[in-house]
Structure formats: structure tokens, C-alpha cells
């Protein structure tokens, strides 16, 4: 039978290895690219709306310019 220490405070098992939640290199790179692109789109939308109101027409134009798959 194996011995596994149990703590009452955390109500969980104690392990010798700490949890390792860091992502790999490519996941961090992909996230950085995504965040960069998201910020660029938000800046472009803010620049577009700087001199106009947010109307239905403006919303359609934003969707056409920035969220088109073409």
C-alpha cells in the first residue's frame, strides 16, 4: 500500500512536483500574435470612429473592413 500525505487545509493531496502551468513556446507565440492583431484592430476601429458616431451604418462598415474573411 502506498502512502500519500493528505492536508486538511487544501483538502487535496500533496505531491512532490509543483504544478507546471506554463505554456510552450509556440502557444505563447500564437497568443502574442493574436493579442497584437486584436490591439491593431481595436486601434483601427477607434481611429475610424474618432470623427463619427457609432450608428448602424458605421457598425456595418466596421464589420466589412475589419472582420471580413476575404
N, C-alpha and C. Protein backbone atom coordinates (compact mmCIF):
# COMPACT_ATOMS: atom_id res chain seq x y z
N UNK A 1 0.84 -1.17 0.00
CA UNK A 1 0.00 0.00 0.00
C UNK A 1 0.89 1.24 0.00
N UNK A 2 0.54 2.23 -0.81
CA UNK A 2 1.33 3.45 -0.93
C UNK A 2 0.85 4.48 0.08
N UNK A 3 1.76 5.26 0.55
CA UNK A 3 1.45 6.33 1.50
C UNK A 3 1.34 7.64 0.74
N UNK A 4 0.21 8.32 0.86
CA UNK A 4 0.01 9.62 0.23
C UNK A 4 -0.42 10.59 1.32
N UNK A 5 0.40 11.61 1.61
CA UNK A 5 0.00 12.57 2.63
C UNK A 5 -1.20 13.38 2.17
N UNK A 6 -2.04 13.75 3.09
CA UNK A 6 -3.26 14.50 2.80
C UNK A 6 -3.29 15.71 3.72
N UNK A 7 -3.57 16.89 3.18
CA UNK A 7 -3.62 18.08 4.01
C UNK A 7 -5.06 18.51 4.20
N UNK A 8 -5.38 18.93 5.40
CA UNK A 8 -6.74 19.35 5.72
C UNK A 8 -7.02 20.75 5.20
N UNK A 9 -5.97 21.59 5.10
CA UNK A 9 -6.18 22.97 4.69
C UNK A 9 -6.59 23.09 3.23
N UNK A 10 -5.91 22.39 2.37
CA UNK A 10 -6.20 22.50 0.94
C UNK A 10 -7.20 21.46 0.48
N UNK A 11 -7.48 20.50 1.34
CA UNK A 11 -8.40 19.40 1.01
C UNK A 11 -7.98 18.72 -0.28
N UNK A 12 -6.71 18.53 -0.44
CA UNK A 12 -6.20 17.86 -1.61
C UNK A 12 -4.95 17.09 -1.27
N UNK A 13 -4.48 16.31 -2.21
CA UNK A 13 -3.28 15.52 -1.99
C UNK A 13 -2.04 16.37 -2.21
N UNK A 14 -1.02 16.05 -1.46
CA UNK A 14 0.25 16.74 -1.58
C UNK A 14 1.13 15.94 -2.54
N UNK A 15 1.70 16.62 -3.52
CA UNK A 15 2.59 15.95 -4.45
C UNK A 15 3.98 16.52 -4.31
N UNK A 16 4.96 15.79 -4.77
CA UNK A 16 6.33 16.26 -4.70
C UNK A 16 6.62 17.30 -5.77
N UNK A 17 5.94 17.20 -6.92
CA UNK A 17 6.18 18.14 -8.01
C UNK A 17 5.16 19.27 -7.95
N UNK A 18 5.62 20.51 -8.09
CA UNK A 18 4.66 21.61 -8.17
C UNK A 18 3.95 21.57 -9.53
N UNK A 19 2.75 22.12 -9.58
CA UNK A 19 2.02 22.17 -10.85
C UNK A 19 2.75 23.09 -11.82
N UNK A 20 2.84 22.68 -13.05
CA UNK A 20 3.55 23.44 -14.07
C UNK A 20 2.53 23.88 -15.11
N UNK A 21 2.09 25.13 -15.03
CA UNK A 21 1.04 25.63 -15.91
C UNK A 21 1.55 26.49 -17.05
N UNK A 22 2.85 26.59 -17.22
CA UNK A 22 3.35 27.46 -18.28
C UNK A 22 3.13 26.80 -19.64
N UNK A 23 2.84 27.64 -20.59
CA UNK A 23 2.59 27.16 -21.94
C UNK A 23 3.90 26.98 -22.69
N UNK A 24 3.84 26.25 -23.75
CA UNK A 24 5.00 26.05 -24.59
C UNK A 24 5.30 27.28 -25.42
N UNK A 25 6.44 27.23 -26.09
CA UNK A 25 6.91 28.37 -26.89
C UNK A 25 5.92 28.74 -27.98
N UNK A 26 5.43 27.77 -28.74
CA UNK A 26 4.54 28.08 -29.87
C UNK A 26 3.18 28.58 -29.40
N UNK A 27 2.70 28.11 -28.26
CA UNK A 27 1.43 28.61 -27.72
C UNK A 27 1.59 30.07 -27.30
N UNK A 28 2.71 30.40 -26.65
CA UNK A 28 2.95 31.79 -26.24
C UNK A 28 3.12 32.69 -27.47
N UNK A 29 3.79 32.19 -28.51
CA UNK A 29 3.97 32.95 -29.74
C UNK A 29 2.62 33.21 -30.41
N UNK A 30 1.79 32.18 -30.51
CA UNK A 30 0.47 32.34 -31.12
C UNK A 30 -0.38 33.32 -30.33
N UNK A 31 -0.33 33.24 -29.00
CA UNK A 31 -1.09 34.18 -28.17
C UNK A 31 -0.60 35.61 -28.36
N UNK A 32 0.72 35.79 -28.46
CA UNK A 32 1.27 37.13 -28.67
C UNK A 32 0.83 37.70 -30.01
N UNK A 33 0.81 36.88 -31.04
CA UNK A 33 0.35 37.32 -32.36
C UNK A 33 -1.12 37.69 -32.31
N UNK A 34 -1.92 36.87 -31.64
CA UNK A 34 -3.35 37.14 -31.52
C UNK A 34 -3.59 38.46 -30.80
N UNK A 35 -2.91 38.67 -29.67
CA UNK A 35 -3.09 39.90 -28.89
C UNK A 35 -2.65 41.11 -29.70
N UNK A 36 -1.56 40.99 -30.43
CA UNK A 36 -1.07 42.08 -31.26
C UNK A 36 -2.09 42.45 -32.33
N UNK A 37 -2.64 41.44 -33.01
CA UNK A 37 -3.63 41.69 -34.06
C UNK A 37 -4.90 42.30 -33.47
N UNK A 38 -5.31 41.83 -32.30
CA UNK A 38 -6.51 42.35 -31.65
C UNK A 38 -6.34 43.83 -31.31
N UNK A 39 -5.17 44.20 -30.79
CA UNK A 39 -4.90 45.60 -30.46
C UNK A 39 -4.88 46.47 -31.72
N UNK A 40 -4.31 45.95 -32.80
CA UNK A 40 -4.26 46.71 -34.04
C UNK A 40 -5.67 46.97 -34.58
N UNK A 41 -6.53 45.98 -34.53
CA UNK A 41 -7.91 46.15 -35.00
C UNK A 41 -8.64 47.14 -34.11
N UNK A 42 -8.44 47.06 -32.80
CA UNK A 42 -9.10 48.00 -31.90
C UNK A 42 -8.63 49.43 -32.15
N UNK A 43 -7.34 49.62 -32.44
CA UNK A 43 -6.83 50.95 -32.77
C UNK A 43 -7.46 51.47 -34.07
N UNK A 44 -7.56 50.59 -35.06
CA UNK A 44 -8.15 50.99 -36.34
C UNK A 44 -9.62 51.36 -36.18
N UNK A 45 -10.34 50.61 -35.39
CA UNK A 45 -11.76 50.92 -35.15
C UNK A 45 -11.89 52.24 -34.42
N UNK A 46 -11.05 52.47 -33.42
CA UNK A 46 -11.09 53.74 -32.69
C UNK A 46 -10.79 54.91 -33.62
N UNK A 47 -9.81 54.72 -34.52
CA UNK A 47 -9.47 55.77 -35.49
C UNK A 47 -10.64 56.02 -36.44
N UNK A 48 -11.32 54.97 -36.85
CA UNK A 48 -12.47 55.11 -37.75
C UNK A 48 -13.61 55.86 -37.07
N UNK A 49 -13.83 55.57 -35.78
CA UNK A 49 -14.95 56.19 -35.06
C UNK A 49 -14.60 57.53 -34.44
N UNK A 50 -13.38 58.00 -34.61
CA UNK A 50 -12.94 59.22 -33.97
C UNK A 50 -13.79 60.43 -34.37
N UNK A 51 -14.16 60.52 -35.61
CA UNK A 51 -14.90 61.69 -36.09
C UNK A 51 -16.33 61.38 -36.47
N UNK A 52 -16.85 60.25 -36.03
CA UNK A 52 -18.23 59.92 -36.37
C UNK A 52 -18.91 59.22 -35.20
N UNK A 53 -20.20 59.11 -35.30
CA UNK A 53 -20.98 58.42 -34.27
C UNK A 53 -21.06 56.94 -34.62
N UNK A 54 -21.34 56.15 -33.59
CA UNK A 54 -21.49 54.72 -33.79
C UNK A 54 -22.93 54.43 -34.18
N UNK A 55 -23.18 54.37 -35.46
CA UNK A 55 -24.52 54.12 -35.98
C UNK A 55 -24.55 52.72 -36.60
N UNK A 56 -25.72 52.34 -37.07
CA UNK A 56 -25.83 51.04 -37.75
C UNK A 56 -24.95 51.00 -38.99
N UNK A 57 -24.92 52.10 -39.71
CA UNK A 57 -24.09 52.16 -40.91
C UNK A 57 -22.60 52.03 -40.56
N UNK A 58 -22.18 52.70 -39.49
CA UNK A 58 -20.78 52.60 -39.05
C UNK A 58 -20.46 51.17 -38.61
N UNK A 59 -21.38 50.54 -37.92
CA UNK A 59 -21.17 49.16 -37.49
C UNK A 59 -21.02 48.22 -38.69
N UNK A 60 -21.85 48.38 -39.69
CA UNK A 60 -21.74 47.56 -40.90
C UNK A 60 -20.41 47.78 -41.61
N UNK A 61 -19.98 49.05 -41.67
CA UNK A 61 -18.71 49.37 -42.32
C UNK A 61 -17.53 48.77 -41.56
N UNK A 62 -17.58 48.81 -40.24
CA UNK A 62 -16.52 48.21 -39.42
C UNK A 62 -16.47 46.71 -39.65
N UNK A 63 -17.62 46.07 -39.66
CA UNK A 63 -17.65 44.63 -39.91
C UNK A 63 -17.11 44.31 -41.30
N UNK A 64 -17.45 45.12 -42.28
CA UNK A 64 -16.98 44.89 -43.64
C UNK A 64 -15.47 45.07 -43.73
N UNK A 65 -14.94 46.10 -43.09
CA UNK A 65 -13.49 46.39 -43.18
C UNK A 65 -12.63 45.45 -42.37
N UNK A 66 -13.04 45.16 -41.14
CA UNK A 66 -12.13 44.50 -40.22
C UNK A 66 -12.43 43.04 -39.95
N UNK A 67 -13.65 42.60 -40.21
CA UNK A 67 -13.99 41.23 -39.88
C UNK A 67 -14.33 40.39 -41.10
N UNK A 68 -14.00 40.89 -42.24
CA UNK A 68 -14.23 40.15 -43.48
C UNK A 68 -13.19 39.04 -43.59
N UNK A 69 -13.59 37.90 -44.13
CA UNK A 69 -12.66 36.77 -44.28
C UNK A 69 -11.92 36.82 -45.61
N UNK A 70 -12.27 37.75 -46.48
CA UNK A 70 -11.61 37.87 -47.77
C UNK A 70 -10.39 38.69 -47.70
